[in-house]
């Protein structure tokens, strides 16, 4: 069972993502509502995988991704965003994201990405 952190500024999106993951047998060990909180919780909880929204207040997901990757180059991060812009996807991948899922989230696509990274 994978330990996962869900990062999104929208509480309903965190709840939706958590439901997708837990229904598939994964454990959501923590949640964060912005990039700063994500970094603090990553260091504290050391999740196996992170789902990270890009557009958030205080610190966006790409900046948080870069700082998490500095602390743990082996971090497994899947970026999630309603804005599937090519440049944003490329920046996320260049910054260390292992996959990118476009909102609205489809459970099967999320789980495909998670399973591929965790080699389930």
PDB file of N, CA and C in Angstrom:
ATOM      1  N   UNK A   1       0.837  -1.181   0.000  1.00  0.00           N
ATOM      2  CA  UNK A   1       0.000   0.000   0.000  1.00  0.00           C
ATOM      3  C   UNK A   1       0.883   1.245   0.000  1.00  0.00           C
ATOM      4  N   UNK A   2       0.663   2.111  -0.982  1.00  0.00           N
ATOM      5  CA  UNK A   2       1.466   3.322  -1.098  1.00  0.00           C
ATOM      6  C   UNK A   2       0.956   4.406  -0.154  1.00  0.00           C
ATOM      7  N   UNK A   3       1.909   5.178   0.392  1.00  0.00           N
ATOM      8  CA  UNK A   3       1.574   6.342   1.222  1.00  0.00           C
ATOM      9  C   UNK A   3       1.660   7.567   0.321  1.00  0.00           C
ATOM     10  N   UNK A   4       0.544   8.286   0.205  1.00  0.00           N
ATOM     11  CA  UNK A   4       0.457   9.373  -0.762  1.00  0.00           C
ATOM     12  C   UNK A   4       0.063  10.687  -0.086  1.00  0.00           C
ATOM     13  N   UNK A   5       0.649  11.794  -0.578  1.00  0.00           N
ATOM     14  CA  UNK A   5       0.255  13.126  -0.153  1.00  0.00           C
ATOM     15  C   UNK A   5      -0.486  13.779  -1.318  1.00  0.00           C
ATOM     16  N   UNK A   6      -1.647  14.381  -1.020  1.00  0.00           N
ATOM     17  CA  UNK A   6      -2.459  15.063  -2.016  1.00  0.00           C
ATOM     18  C   UNK A   6      -2.349  16.566  -1.774  1.00  0.00           C
ATOM     19  N   UNK A   7      -1.937  17.303  -2.815  1.00  0.00           N
ATOM     20  CA  UNK A   7      -1.750  18.748  -2.695  1.00  0.00           C
ATOM     21  C   UNK A   7      -2.649  19.466  -3.705  1.00  0.00           C
ATOM     22  N   UNK A   8      -3.581  20.265  -3.190  1.00  0.00           N
ATOM     23  CA  UNK A   8      -4.473  21.060  -4.039  1.00  0.00           C
ATOM     24  C   UNK A   8      -5.082  22.134  -3.157  1.00  0.00           C
ATOM     25  N   UNK A   9      -5.237  23.348  -3.690  1.00  0.00           N
ATOM     26  CA  UNK A   9      -5.822  24.413  -2.883  1.00  0.00           C
ATOM     27  C   UNK A   9      -7.328  24.251  -2.720  1.00  0.00           C
ATOM     28  N   UNK A  10      -7.975  23.461  -3.573  1.00  0.00           N
ATOM     29  CA  UNK A  10      -9.417  23.240  -3.476  1.00  0.00           C
ATOM     30  C   UNK A  10      -9.701  21.995  -2.635  1.00  0.00           C
ATOM     31  N   UNK A  11     -10.403  22.195  -1.518  1.00  0.00           N
ATOM     32  CA  UNK A  11     -10.698  21.072  -0.618  1.00  0.00           C
ATOM     33  C   UNK A  11     -11.485  19.971  -1.333  1.00  0.00           C
ATOM     34  N   UNK A  12     -12.414  20.336  -2.205  1.00  0.00           N
ATOM     35  CA  UNK A  12     -13.203  19.307  -2.901  1.00  0.00           C
ATOM     36  C   UNK A  12     -12.327  18.482  -3.841  1.00  0.00           C
ATOM     37  N   UNK A  13     -11.280  19.089  -4.427  1.00  0.00           N
ATOM     38  CA  UNK A  13     -10.377  18.331  -5.291  1.00  0.00           C
ATOM     39  C   UNK A  13      -9.511  17.377  -4.471  1.00  0.00           C
ATOM     40  N   UNK A  14      -9.080  17.829  -3.292  1.00  0.00           N
ATOM     41  CA  UNK A  14      -8.323  16.926  -2.414  1.00  0.00           C
ATOM     42  C   UNK A  14      -9.198  15.738  -2.027  1.00  0.00           C
ATOM     43  N   UNK A  15     -10.455  16.018  -1.695  1.00  0.00           N
ATOM     44  CA  UNK A  15     -11.376  14.954  -1.293  1.00  0.00           C
ATOM     45  C   UNK A  15     -11.615  13.986  -2.466  1.00  0.00           C
ATOM     46  N   UNK A  16     -11.786  14.532  -3.669  1.00  0.00           N
ATOM     47  CA  UNK A  16     -12.019  13.705  -4.855  1.00  0.00           C
ATOM     48  C   UNK A  16     -10.812  12.825  -5.142  1.00  0.00           C
ATOM     49  N   UNK A  17      -9.610  13.413  -5.105  1.00  0.00           N
ATOM     50  CA  UNK A  17      -8.383  12.661  -5.348  1.00  0.00           C
ATOM     51  C   UNK A  17      -8.195  11.592  -4.268  1.00  0.00           C
ATOM     52  N   UNK A  18      -8.432  11.960  -3.024  1.00  0.00           N
ATOM     53  CA  UNK A  18      -8.299  11.017  -1.911  1.00  0.00           C
ATOM     54  C   UNK A  18      -9.236   9.825  -2.110  1.00  0.00           C
ATOM     55  N   UNK A  19     -10.460  10.090  -2.549  1.00  0.00           N
ATOM     56  CA  UNK A  19     -11.434   9.026  -2.787  1.00  0.00           C
ATOM     57  C   UNK A  19     -10.954   8.081  -3.895  1.00  0.00           C
ATOM     58  N   UNK A  20     -10.433   8.643  -4.985  1.00  0.00           N
ATOM     59  CA  UNK A  20      -9.904   7.819  -6.093  1.00  0.00           C
ATOM     60  C   UNK A  20      -8.791   6.905  -5.575  1.00  0.00           C
ATOM     61  N   UNK A  21      -7.861   7.495  -4.832  1.00  0.00           N
ATOM     62  CA  UNK A  21      -6.692   6.746  -4.360  1.00  0.00           C
ATOM     63  C   UNK A  21      -7.048   5.700  -3.314  1.00  0.00           C
ATOM     64  N   UNK A  22      -7.875   6.084  -2.335  1.00  0.00           N
ATOM     65  CA  UNK A  22      -8.209   5.136  -1.259  1.00  0.00           C
ATOM     66  C   UNK A  22      -9.105   4.017  -1.750  1.00  0.00           C
ATOM     67  N   UNK A  23      -9.976   4.291  -2.714  1.00  0.00           N
ATOM     68  CA  UNK A  23     -10.815   3.245  -3.284  1.00  0.00           C
ATOM     69  C   UNK A  23      -9.949   2.184  -3.971  1.00  0.00           C
ATOM     70  N   UNK A  24      -8.803   2.621  -4.501  1.00  0.00           N
ATOM     71  CA  UNK A  24      -7.879   1.701  -5.174  1.00  0.00           C
ATOM     72  C   UNK A  24      -6.919   1.027  -4.193  1.00  0.00           C
ATOM     73  N   UNK A  25      -7.048   1.324  -2.894  1.00  0.00           N
ATOM     74  CA  UNK A  25      -6.235   0.640  -1.897  1.00  0.00           C
ATOM     75  C   UNK A  25      -4.999   1.396  -1.435  1.00  0.00           C
ATOM     76  N   UNK A  26      -4.836   2.637  -1.875  1.00  0.00           N
ATOM     77  CA  UNK A  26      -3.697   3.436  -1.429  1.00  0.00           C
ATOM     78  C   UNK A  26      -4.063   4.178  -0.144  1.00  0.00           C
ATOM     79  N   UNK A  27      -3.052   4.652   0.564  1.00  0.00           N
ATOM     80  CA  UNK A  27      -3.267   5.365   1.820  1.00  0.00           C
ATOM     81  C   UNK A  27      -2.859   6.823   1.639  1.00  0.00           C
ATOM     82  N   UNK A  28      -3.805   7.742   1.814  1.00  0.00           N
ATOM     83  CA  UNK A  28      -3.481   9.165   1.775  1.00  0.00           C
ATOM     84  C   UNK A  28      -3.074   9.545   3.195  1.00  0.00           C
ATOM     85  N   UNK A  29      -1.776   9.799   3.381  1.00  0.00           N
ATOM     86  CA  UNK A  29      -1.260  10.041   4.737  1.00  0.00           C
ATOM     87  C   UNK A  29      -1.292  11.510   5.133  1.00  0.00           C
ATOM     88  N   UNK A  30      -1.395  12.411   4.131  1.00  0.00           N
ATOM     89  CA  UNK A  30      -1.504  13.828   4.455  1.00  0.00           C
ATOM     90  C   UNK A  30      -1.981  14.600   3.234  1.00  0.00           C
ATOM     91  N   UNK A  31      -2.440  15.812   3.509  1.00  0.00           N
ATOM     92  CA  UNK A  31      -2.908  16.707   2.454  1.00  0.00           C
ATOM     93  C   UNK A  31      -2.292  18.078   2.703  1.00  0.00           C
ATOM     94  N   UNK A  32      -2.179  18.855   1.626  1.00  0.00           N
ATOM     95  CA  UNK A  32      -1.679  20.224   1.741  1.00  0.00           C
ATOM     96  C   UNK A  32      -2.493  21.107   0.798  1.00  0.00           C
ATOM     97  N   UNK A  33      -2.658  22.379   1.188  1.00  0.00           N
ATOM     98  CA  UNK A  33      -3.481  23.305   0.420  1.00  0.00           C
ATOM     99  C   UNK A  33      -2.666  24.304  -0.392  1.00  0.00           C
ATOM    100  N   UNK A  34      -1.327  24.275  -0.236  1.00  0.00           N
ATOM    101  CA  UNK A  34      -0.468  25.153  -1.037  1.00  0.00           C
ATOM    102  C   UNK A  34       0.946  24.572  -1.058  1.00  0.00           C
ATOM    103  N   UNK A  35       1.798  25.193  -1.863  1.00  0.00           N
ATOM    104  CA  UNK A  35       3.151  24.680  -2.036  1.00  0.00           C
ATOM    105  C   UNK A  35       3.992  24.682  -0.773  1.00  0.00           C
ATOM    106  N   UNK A  36       3.888  25.751   0.018  1.00  0.00           N
ATOM    107  CA  UNK A  36       4.683  25.811   1.258  1.00  0.00           C
ATOM    108  C   UNK A  36       4.308  24.680   2.212  1.00  0.00           C
ATOM    109  N   UNK A  37       3.014  24.486   2.352  1.00  0.00           N
ATOM    110  CA  UNK A  37       2.528  23.414   3.222  1.00  0.00           C
ATOM    111  C   UNK A  37       2.981  22.051   2.678  1.00  0.00           C
ATOM    112  N   UNK A  38       2.979  21.914   1.351  1.00  0.00           N
ATOM    113  CA  UNK A  38       3.401  20.654   0.725  1.00  0.00           C
ATOM    114  C   UNK A  38       4.848  20.318   1.074  1.00  0.00           C
ATOM    115  N   UNK A  39       5.723  21.309   1.012  1.00  0.00           N
ATOM    116  CA  UNK A  39       7.140  21.075   1.330  1.00  0.00           C
ATOM    117  C   UNK A  39       7.294  20.652   2.787  1.00  0.00           C
ATOM    118  N   UNK A  40       6.644  21.377   3.702  1.00  0.00           N
ATOM    119  CA  UNK A  40       6.721  21.033   5.132  1.00  0.00           C
ATOM    120  C   UNK A  40       6.224  19.617   5.378  1.00  0.00           C
ATOM    121  N   UNK A  41       5.084  19.274   4.783  1.00  0.00           N
ATOM    122  CA  UNK A  41       4.512  17.943   5.017  1.00  0.00           C
ATOM    123  C   UNK A  41       5.321  16.853   4.325  1.00  0.00           C
ATOM    124  N   UNK A  42       5.933  17.157   3.188  1.00  0.00           N
ATOM    125  CA  UNK A  42       6.776  16.168   2.521  1.00  0.00           C
ATOM    126  C   UNK A  42       7.931  15.786   3.431  1.00  0.00           C
ATOM    127  N   UNK A  43       8.573  16.770   4.014  1.00  0.00           N
ATOM    128  CA  UNK A  43       9.707  16.525   4.902  1.00  0.00           C
ATOM    129  C   UNK A  43       9.270  15.733   6.134  1.00  0.00           C
ATOM    130  N   UNK A  44       8.109  16.059   6.676  1.00  0.00           N
ATOM    131  CA  UNK A  44       7.612  15.397   7.880  1.00  0.00           C
ATOM    132  C   UNK A  44       7.135  13.971   7.621  1.00  0.00           C
ATOM    133  N   UNK A  45       6.335  13.770   6.563  1.00  0.00           N
ATOM    134  CA  UNK A  45       5.666  12.484   6.335  1.00  0.00           C
ATOM    135  C   UNK A  45       6.376  11.560   5.355  1.00  0.00           C
ATOM    136  N   UNK A  46       7.266  12.084   4.517  1.00  0.00           N
ATOM    137  CA  UNK A  46       8.005  11.285   3.526  1.00  0.00           C
ATOM    138  C   UNK A  46       7.096  10.325   2.743  1.00  0.00           C
ATOM    139  N   UNK A  47       6.119  10.863   2.019  1.00  0.00           N
ATOM    140  CA  UNK A  47       5.219   9.987   1.252  1.00  0.00           C
ATOM    141  C   UNK A  47       5.948   9.274   0.112  1.00  0.00           C
ATOM    142  N   UNK A  48       5.374   8.160  -0.323  1.00  0.00           N
ATOM    143  CA  UNK A  48       5.925   7.418  -1.461  1.00  0.00           C
ATOM    144  C   UNK A  48       5.667   8.165  -2.766  1.00  0.00           C
ATOM    145  N   UNK A  49       4.590   8.960  -2.779  1.00  0.00           N
ATOM    146  CA  UNK A  49       4.174   9.634  -3.992  1.00  0.00           C
ATOM    147  C   UNK A  49       3.382  10.882  -3.626  1.00  0.00           C
ATOM    148  N   UNK A  50       3.438  11.893  -4.497  1.00  0.00           N
ATOM    149  CA  UNK A  50       2.709  13.144  -4.288  1.00  0.00           C
ATOM    150  C   UNK A  50       1.902  13.458  -5.538  1.00  0.00           C
ATOM    151  N   UNK A  51       0.630  13.850  -5.355  1.00  0.00           N
ATOM    152  CA  UNK A  51      -0.130  14.444  -6.448  1.00  0.00           C
ATOM    153  C   UNK A  51      -0.171  15.932  -6.140  1.00  0.00           C
ATOM    154  N   UNK A  52       0.218  16.765  -7.106  1.00  0.00           N
ATOM    155  CA  UNK A  52       0.399  18.197  -6.851  1.00  0.00           C
ATOM    156  C   UNK A  52      -0.299  19.044  -7.905  1.00  0.00           C
ATOM    157  N   UNK A  53      -1.202  19.904  -7.441  1.00  0.00           N
ATOM    158  CA  UNK A  53      -1.826  20.881  -8.317  1.00  0.00           C
ATOM    159  C   UNK A  53      -0.771  21.907  -8.705  1.00  0.00           C
ATOM    160  N   UNK A  54      -0.931  22.543  -9.858  1.00  0.00           N
ATOM    161  CA  UNK A  54       0.037  23.563 -10.261  1.00  0.00           C
ATOM    162  C   UNK A  54      -0.361  24.938  -9.745  1.00  0.00           C
ATOM    163  N   UNK A  55      -1.609  25.325  -9.970  1.00  0.00           N
ATOM    164  CA  UNK A  55      -2.044  26.676  -9.637  1.00  0.00           C
ATOM    165  C   UNK A  55      -2.587  26.721  -8.215  1.00  0.00           C
ATOM    166  N   UNK A  56      -1.796  27.316  -7.313  1.00  0.00           N
ATOM    167  CA  UNK A  56      -2.194  27.432  -5.902  1.00  0.00           C
ATOM    168  C   UNK A  56      -1.698  28.765  -5.361  1.00  0.00           C
ATOM    169  N   UNK A  57      -2.365  29.277  -4.319  1.00  0.00           N
ATOM    170  CA  UNK A  57      -1.898  30.514  -3.694  1.00  0.00           C
ATOM    171  C   UNK A  57      -0.650  30.262  -2.846  1.00  0.00           C
ATOM    172  N   UNK A  58       0.036  31.323  -2.484  1.00  0.00           N
ATOM    173  CA  UNK A  58       1.203  31.298  -1.604  1.00  0.00           C
ATOM    174  C   UNK A  58       2.445  30.777  -2.323  1.00  0.00           C
ATOM    175  N   UNK A  59       2.392  29.546  -2.833  1.00  0.00           N
ATOM    176  CA  UNK A  59       3.485  28.998  -3.642  1.00  0.00           C
ATOM    177  C   UNK A  59       2.873  27.993  -4.608  1.00  0.00           C
ATOM    178  N   UNK A  60       3.149  28.168  -5.906  1.00  0.00           N
ATOM    179  CA  UNK A  60       2.537  27.258  -6.873  1.00  0.00           C
ATOM    180  C   UNK A  60       3.205  25.884  -6.852  1.00  0.00           C
ATOM    181  N   UNK A  61       2.571  24.950  -7.549  1.00  0.00           N
ATOM    182  CA  UNK A  61       3.036  23.571  -7.533  1.00  0.00           C
ATOM    183  C   UNK A  61       4.391  23.358  -8.175  1.00  0.00           C
ATOM    184  N   UNK A  62       4.717  24.135  -9.201  1.00  0.00           N
ATOM    185  CA  UNK A  62       6.014  23.942  -9.858  1.00  0.00           C
ATOM    186  C   UNK A  62       7.147  24.390  -8.941  1.00  0.00           C
ATOM    187  N   UNK A  63       6.963  25.511  -8.253  1.00  0.00           N
ATOM    188  CA  UNK A  63       7.982  25.967  -7.307  1.00  0.00           C
ATOM    189  C   UNK A  63       8.141  24.953  -6.168  1.00  0.00           C
ATOM    190  N   UNK A  64       7.014  24.454  -5.649  1.00  0.00           N
ATOM    191  CA  UNK A  64       7.071  23.443  -4.586  1.00  0.00           C
ATOM    192  C   UNK A  64       7.754  22.173  -5.084  1.00  0.00           C
ATOM    193  N   UNK A  65       7.445  21.772  -6.314  1.00  0.00           N
ATOM    194  CA  UNK A  65       8.077  20.594  -6.918  1.00  0.00           C
ATOM    195  C   UNK A  65       9.598  20.760  -6.941  1.00  0.00           C
ATOM    196  N   UNK A  66      10.069  21.917  -7.408  1.00  0.00           N
ATOM    197  CA  UNK A  66      11.513  22.160  -7.478  1.00  0.00           C
ATOM    198  C   UNK A  66      12.163  22.032  -6.105  1.00  0.00           C
ATOM    199  N   UNK A  67      11.523  22.596  -5.082  1.00  0.00           N
ATOM    200  CA  UNK A  67      12.094  22.549  -3.732  1.00  0.00           C
ATOM    201  C   UNK A  67      12.039  21.136  -3.138  1.00  0.00           C
ATOM    202  N   UNK A  68      10.995  20.399  -3.440  1.00  0.00           N
ATOM    203  CA  UNK A  68      10.919  19.003  -2.983  1.00  0.00           C
ATOM    204  C   UNK A  68      12.019  18.185  -3.667  1.00  0.00           C
ATOM    205  N   UNK A  69      12.217  18.404  -4.975  1.00  0.00           N
ATOM    206  CA  UNK A  69      13.242  17.655  -5.710  1.00  0.00           C
ATOM    207  C   UNK A  69      14.648  17.980  -5.205  1.00  0.00           C
ATOM    208  N   UNK A  70      14.860  19.230  -4.758  1.00  0.00           N
ATOM    209  CA  UNK A  70      16.162  19.585  -4.169  1.00  0.00           C
ATOM    210  C   UNK A  70      16.416  18.773  -2.906  1.00  0.00           C
ATOM    211  N   UNK A  71      15.373  18.585  -2.103  1.00  0.00           N
ATOM    212  CA  UNK A  71      15.496  17.854  -0.846  1.00  0.00           C
ATOM    213  C   UNK A  71      15.541  16.345  -1.061  1.00  0.00           C
ATOM    214  N   UNK A  72      14.816  15.868  -2.091  1.00  0.00           N
ATOM    215  CA  UNK A  72      14.738  14.439  -2.356  1.00  0.00           C
ATOM    216  C   UNK A  72      14.658  14.202  -3.862  1.00  0.00           C
ATOM    217  N   UNK A  73      15.808  14.040  -4.522  1.00  0.00           N
ATOM    218  CA  UNK A  73      15.819  13.846  -5.977  1.00  0.00           C
ATOM    219  C   UNK A  73      15.047  12.606  -6.437  1.00  0.00           C
ATOM    220  N   UNK A  74      14.752  11.686  -5.533  1.00  0.00           N
ATOM    221  CA  UNK A  74      14.007  10.483  -5.891  1.00  0.00           C
ATOM    222  C   UNK A  74      12.504  10.645  -5.690  1.00  0.00           C
ATOM    223  N   UNK A  75      12.050  11.836  -5.340  1.00  0.00           N
ATOM    224  CA  UNK A  75      10.620  12.067  -5.092  1.00  0.00           C
ATOM    225  C   UNK A  75       9.794  11.713  -6.325  1.00  0.00           C
ATOM    226  N   UNK A  76       8.652  11.086  -6.073  1.00  0.00           N
ATOM    227  CA  UNK A  76       7.721  10.705  -7.135  1.00  0.00           C
ATOM    228  C   UNK A  76       6.555  11.690  -7.096  1.00  0.00           C
ATOM    229  N   UNK A  77       6.482  12.590  -8.076  1.00  0.00           N
ATOM    230  CA  UNK A  77       5.458  13.623  -8.083  1.00  0.00           C
ATOM    231  C   UNK A  77       4.684  13.597  -9.394  1.00  0.00           C
ATOM    232  N   UNK A  78       3.362  13.560  -9.264  1.00  0.00           N
ATOM    233  CA  UNK A  78       2.461  13.656 -10.413  1.00  0.00           C
ATOM    234  C   UNK A  78       1.800  15.028 -10.334  1.00  0.00           C
ATOM    235  N   UNK A  79       1.964  15.831 -11.369  1.00  0.00           N
ATOM    236  CA  UNK A  79       1.353  17.155 -11.409  1.00  0.00           C
ATOM    237  C   UNK A  79      -0.070  17.045 -11.943  1.00  0.00           C
ATOM    238  N   UNK A  80      -0.961  17.868 -11.398  1.00  0.00           N
ATOM    239  CA  UNK A  80      -2.359  17.899 -11.810  1.00  0.00           C
ATOM    240  C   UNK A  80      -2.750  19.346 -12.067  1.00  0.00           C
ATOM    241  N   UNK A  81      -3.396  19.602 -13.194  1.00  0.00           N
ATOM    242  CA  UNK A  81      -3.829  20.966 -13.455  1.00  0.00           C
ATOM    243  C   UNK A  81      -4.917  21.004 -14.500  1.00  0.00           C
ATOM    244  N   UNK A  82      -5.820  21.947 -14.336  1.00  0.00           N
ATOM    245  CA  UNK A  82      -6.863  22.172 -15.336  1.00  0.00           C
ATOM    246  C   UNK A  82      -6.274  22.824 -16.572  1.00  0.00           C
ATOM    247  N   UNK A  83      -5.142  23.426 -16.403  1.00  0.00           N
ATOM    248  CA  UNK A  83      -4.505  24.101 -17.529  1.00  0.00           C
ATOM    249  C   UNK A  83      -3.476  23.185 -18.166  1.00  0.00           C
ATOM    250  N   UNK A  84      -3.869  22.484 -19.194  1.00  0.00           N
ATOM    251  CA  UNK A  84      -2.987  21.543 -19.846  1.00  0.00           C
ATOM    252  C   UNK A  84      -2.108  22.207 -20.883  1.00  0.00           C
ATOM    253  N   UNK A  85      -1.583  23.372 -20.566  1.00  0.00           N
ATOM    254  CA  UNK A  85      -0.726  24.080 -21.507  1.00  0.00           C
ATOM    255  C   UNK A  85       0.601  23.350 -21.685  1.00  0.00           C
ATOM    256  N   UNK A  86       1.030  23.271 -22.901  1.00  0.00           N
ATOM    257  CA  UNK A  86       2.259  22.554 -23.248  1.00  0.00           C
ATOM    258  C   UNK A  86       3.460  23.061 -22.449  1.00  0.00           C
ATOM    259  N   UNK A  87       3.634  24.377 -22.355  1.00  0.00           N
ATOM    260  CA  UNK A  87       4.787  24.928 -21.640  1.00  0.00           C
ATOM    261  C   UNK A  87       4.774  24.559 -20.159  1.00  0.00           C
ATOM    262  N   UNK A  88       3.586  24.579 -19.556  1.00  0.00           N
ATOM    263  CA  UNK A  88       3.473  24.234 -18.140  1.00  0.00           C
ATOM    264  C   UNK A  88       3.842  22.762 -17.911  1.00  0.00           C
ATOM    265  N   UNK A  89       3.378  21.907 -18.823  1.00  0.00           N
ATOM    266  CA  UNK A  89       3.693  20.482 -18.733  1.00  0.00           C
ATOM    267  C   UNK A  89       5.204  20.285 -18.867  1.00  0.00           C
ATOM    268  N   UNK A  90       5.797  20.938 -19.857  1.00  0.00           N
ATOM    269  CA  UNK A  90       7.239  20.798 -20.063  1.00  0.00           C
ATOM    270  C   UNK A  90       8.029  21.314 -18.863  1.00  0.00           C
ATOM    271  N   UNK A  91       7.618  22.446 -18.301  1.00  0.00           N
ATOM    272  CA  UNK A  91       8.322  22.971 -17.132  1.00  0.00           C
ATOM    273  C   UNK A  91       8.217  22.008 -15.955  1.00  0.00           C
ATOM    274  N   UNK A  92       7.039  21.427 -15.765  1.00  0.00           N
ATOM    275  CA  UNK A  92       6.851  20.462 -14.671  1.00  0.00           C
ATOM    276  C   UNK A  92       7.756  19.245 -14.858  1.00  0.00           C
ATOM    277  N   UNK A  93       7.820  18.735 -16.078  1.00  0.00           N
ATOM    278  CA  UNK A  93       8.652  17.560 -16.359  1.00  0.00           C
ATOM    279  C   UNK A  93      10.139  17.918 -16.184  1.00  0.00           C
ATOM    280  N   UNK A  94      10.542  19.071 -16.717  1.00  0.00           N
ATOM    281  CA  UNK A  94      11.938  19.510 -16.553  1.00  0.00           C
ATOM    282  C   UNK A  94      12.296  19.703 -15.086  1.00  0.00           C
ATOM    283  N   UNK A  95      11.314  20.059 -14.285  1.00  0.00           N
ATOM    284  CA  UNK A  95      11.552  20.317 -12.859  1.00  0.00           C
ATOM    285  C   UNK A  95      11.526  19.039 -12.022  1.00  0.00           C
ATOM    286  N   UNK A  96      11.208  17.912 -12.641  1.00  0.00           N
ATOM    287  CA  UNK A  96      11.274  16.649 -11.916  1.00  0.00           C
ATOM    288  C   UNK A  96       9.980  15.870 -11.803  1.00  0.00           C
ATOM    289  N   UNK A  97       8.872  16.417 -12.291  1.00  0.00           N
ATOM    290  CA  UNK A  97       7.608  15.668 -12.238  1.00  0.00           C
ATOM    291  C   UNK A  97       7.732  14.396 -13.070  1.00  0.00           C
ATOM    292  N   UNK A  98       7.143  13.326 -12.580  1.00  0.00           N
ATOM    293  CA  UNK A  98       7.229  12.044 -13.271  1.00  0.00           C
ATOM    294  C   UNK A  98       6.052  11.827 -14.223  1.00  0.00           C
ATOM    295  N   UNK A  99       4.959  12.588 -14.017  1.00  0.00           N
ATOM    296  CA  UNK A  99       3.784  12.457 -14.883  1.00  0.00           C
ATOM    297  C   UNK A  99       2.939  13.709 -14.713  1.00  0.00           C
ATOM    298  N   UNK A 100       1.932  13.855 -15.577  1.00  0.00           N
ATOM    299  CA  UNK A 100       1.063  15.022 -15.568  1.00  0.00           C
ATOM    300  C   UNK A 100      -0.351  14.553 -15.868  1.00  0.00           C
ATOM    301  N   UNK A 101      -1.309  14.920 -15.026  1.00  0.00           N
ATOM    302  CA  UNK A 101      -2.703  14.533 -15.213  1.00  0.00           C
ATOM    303  C   UNK A 101      -3.530  15.809 -15.352  1.00  0.00           C
ATOM    304  N   UNK A 102      -4.356  15.851 -16.394  1.00  0.00           N
ATOM    305  CA  UNK A 102      -5.157  17.039 -16.659  1.00  0.00           C
ATOM    306  C   UNK A 102      -6.522  16.919 -15.969  1.00  0.00           C
ATOM    307  N   UNK A 103      -6.950  18.031 -15.342  1.00  0.00           N
ATOM    308  CA  UNK A 103      -8.284  18.101 -14.745  1.00  0.00           C
ATOM    309  C   UNK A 103      -9.276  18.458 -15.847  1.00  0.00           C
ATOM    310  N   UNK A 104     -10.530  17.996 -15.792  1.00  0.00           N
ATOM    311  CA  UNK A 104     -11.111  17.233 -14.698  1.00  0.00           C
ATOM    312  C   UNK A 104     -10.489  15.839 -14.605  1.00  0.00           C
ATOM    313  N   UNK A 105     -10.222  15.441 -13.378  1.00  0.00           N
ATOM    314  CA  UNK A 105      -9.543  14.164 -13.136  1.00  0.00           C
ATOM    315  C   UNK A 105     -10.409  12.981 -13.540  1.00  0.00           C
ATOM    316  N   UNK A 106      -9.764  12.033 -14.186  1.00  0.00           N
ATOM    317  CA  UNK A 106     -10.405  10.762 -14.489  1.00  0.00           C
ATOM    318  C   UNK A 106      -9.704   9.722 -13.624  1.00  0.00           C
ATOM    319  N   UNK A 107     -10.475   9.014 -12.821  1.00  0.00           N
ATOM    320  CA  UNK A 107      -9.909   8.046 -11.897  1.00  0.00           C
ATOM    321  C   UNK A 107      -8.956   7.072 -12.550  1.00  0.00           C
ATOM    322  N   UNK A 108      -9.320   6.560 -13.730  1.00  0.00           N
ATOM    323  CA  UNK A 108      -8.472   5.565 -14.395  1.00  0.00           C
ATOM    324  C   UNK A 108      -7.132   6.169 -14.803  1.00  0.00           C
ATOM    325  N   UNK A 109      -7.132   7.418 -15.254  1.00  0.00           N
ATOM    326  CA  UNK A 109      -5.872   8.072 -15.666  1.00  0.00           C
ATOM    327  C   UNK A 109      -4.982   8.328 -14.452  1.00  0.00           C
ATOM    328  N   UNK A 110      -5.597   8.774 -13.349  1.00  0.00           N
ATOM    329  CA  UNK A 110      -4.839   9.008 -12.115  1.00  0.00           C
ATOM    330  C   UNK A 110      -4.198   7.709 -11.650  1.00  0.00           C
ATOM    331  N   UNK A 111      -4.985   6.644 -11.613  1.00  0.00           N
ATOM    332  CA  UNK A 111      -4.470   5.358 -11.122  1.00  0.00           C
ATOM    333  C   UNK A 111      -3.430   4.760 -12.061  1.00  0.00           C
ATOM    334  N   UNK A 112      -3.579   4.973 -13.367  1.00  0.00           N
ATOM    335  CA  UNK A 112      -2.553   4.515 -14.311  1.00  0.00           C
ATOM    336  C   UNK A 112      -1.218   5.181 -13.989  1.00  0.00           C
ATOM    337  N   UNK A 113      -1.249   6.495 -13.760  1.00  0.00           N
ATOM    338  CA  UNK A 113      -0.018   7.231 -13.445  1.00  0.00           C
ATOM    339  C   UNK A 113       0.585   6.763 -12.132  1.00  0.00           C
ATOM    340  N   UNK A 114      -0.271   6.613 -11.120  1.00  0.00           N
ATOM    341  CA  UNK A 114       0.197   6.170  -9.799  1.00  0.00           C
ATOM    342  C   UNK A 114       0.811   4.774  -9.891  1.00  0.00           C
ATOM    343  N   UNK A 115       0.094   3.855 -10.525  1.00  0.00           N
ATOM    344  CA  UNK A 115       0.585   2.474 -10.629  1.00  0.00           C
ATOM    345  C   UNK A 115       1.888   2.398 -11.406  1.00  0.00           C
ATOM    346  N   UNK A 116       2.013   3.209 -12.455  1.00  0.00           N
ATOM    347  CA  UNK A 116       3.243   3.192 -13.247  1.00  0.00           C
ATOM    348  C   UNK A 116       4.431   3.662 -12.412  1.00  0.00           C
ATOM    349  N   UNK A 117       4.232   4.706 -11.621  1.00  0.00           N
ATOM    350  CA  UNK A 117       5.336   5.222 -10.800  1.00  0.00           C
ATOM    351  C   UNK A 117       5.689   4.280  -9.648  1.00  0.00           C
ATOM    352  N   UNK A 118       4.678   3.630  -9.107  1.00  0.00           N
ATOM    353  CA  UNK A 118       4.915   2.728  -7.980  1.00  0.00           C
ATOM    354  C   UNK A 118       5.228   1.309  -8.456  1.00  0.00           C
ATOM    355  N   UNK A 119       5.142   1.099  -9.783  1.00  0.00           N
ATOM    356  CA  UNK A 119       5.386  -0.211 -10.382  1.00  0.00           C
ATOM    357  C   UNK A 119       4.563  -1.294  -9.714  1.00  0.00           C
ATOM    358  N   UNK A 120       3.259  -1.008  -9.610  1.00  0.00           N
ATOM    359  CA  UNK A 120       2.318  -1.951  -8.978  1.00  0.00           C
ATOM    360  C   UNK A 120       1.989  -3.053  -9.963  1.00  0.00           C
TER     361      UNK A 120
END
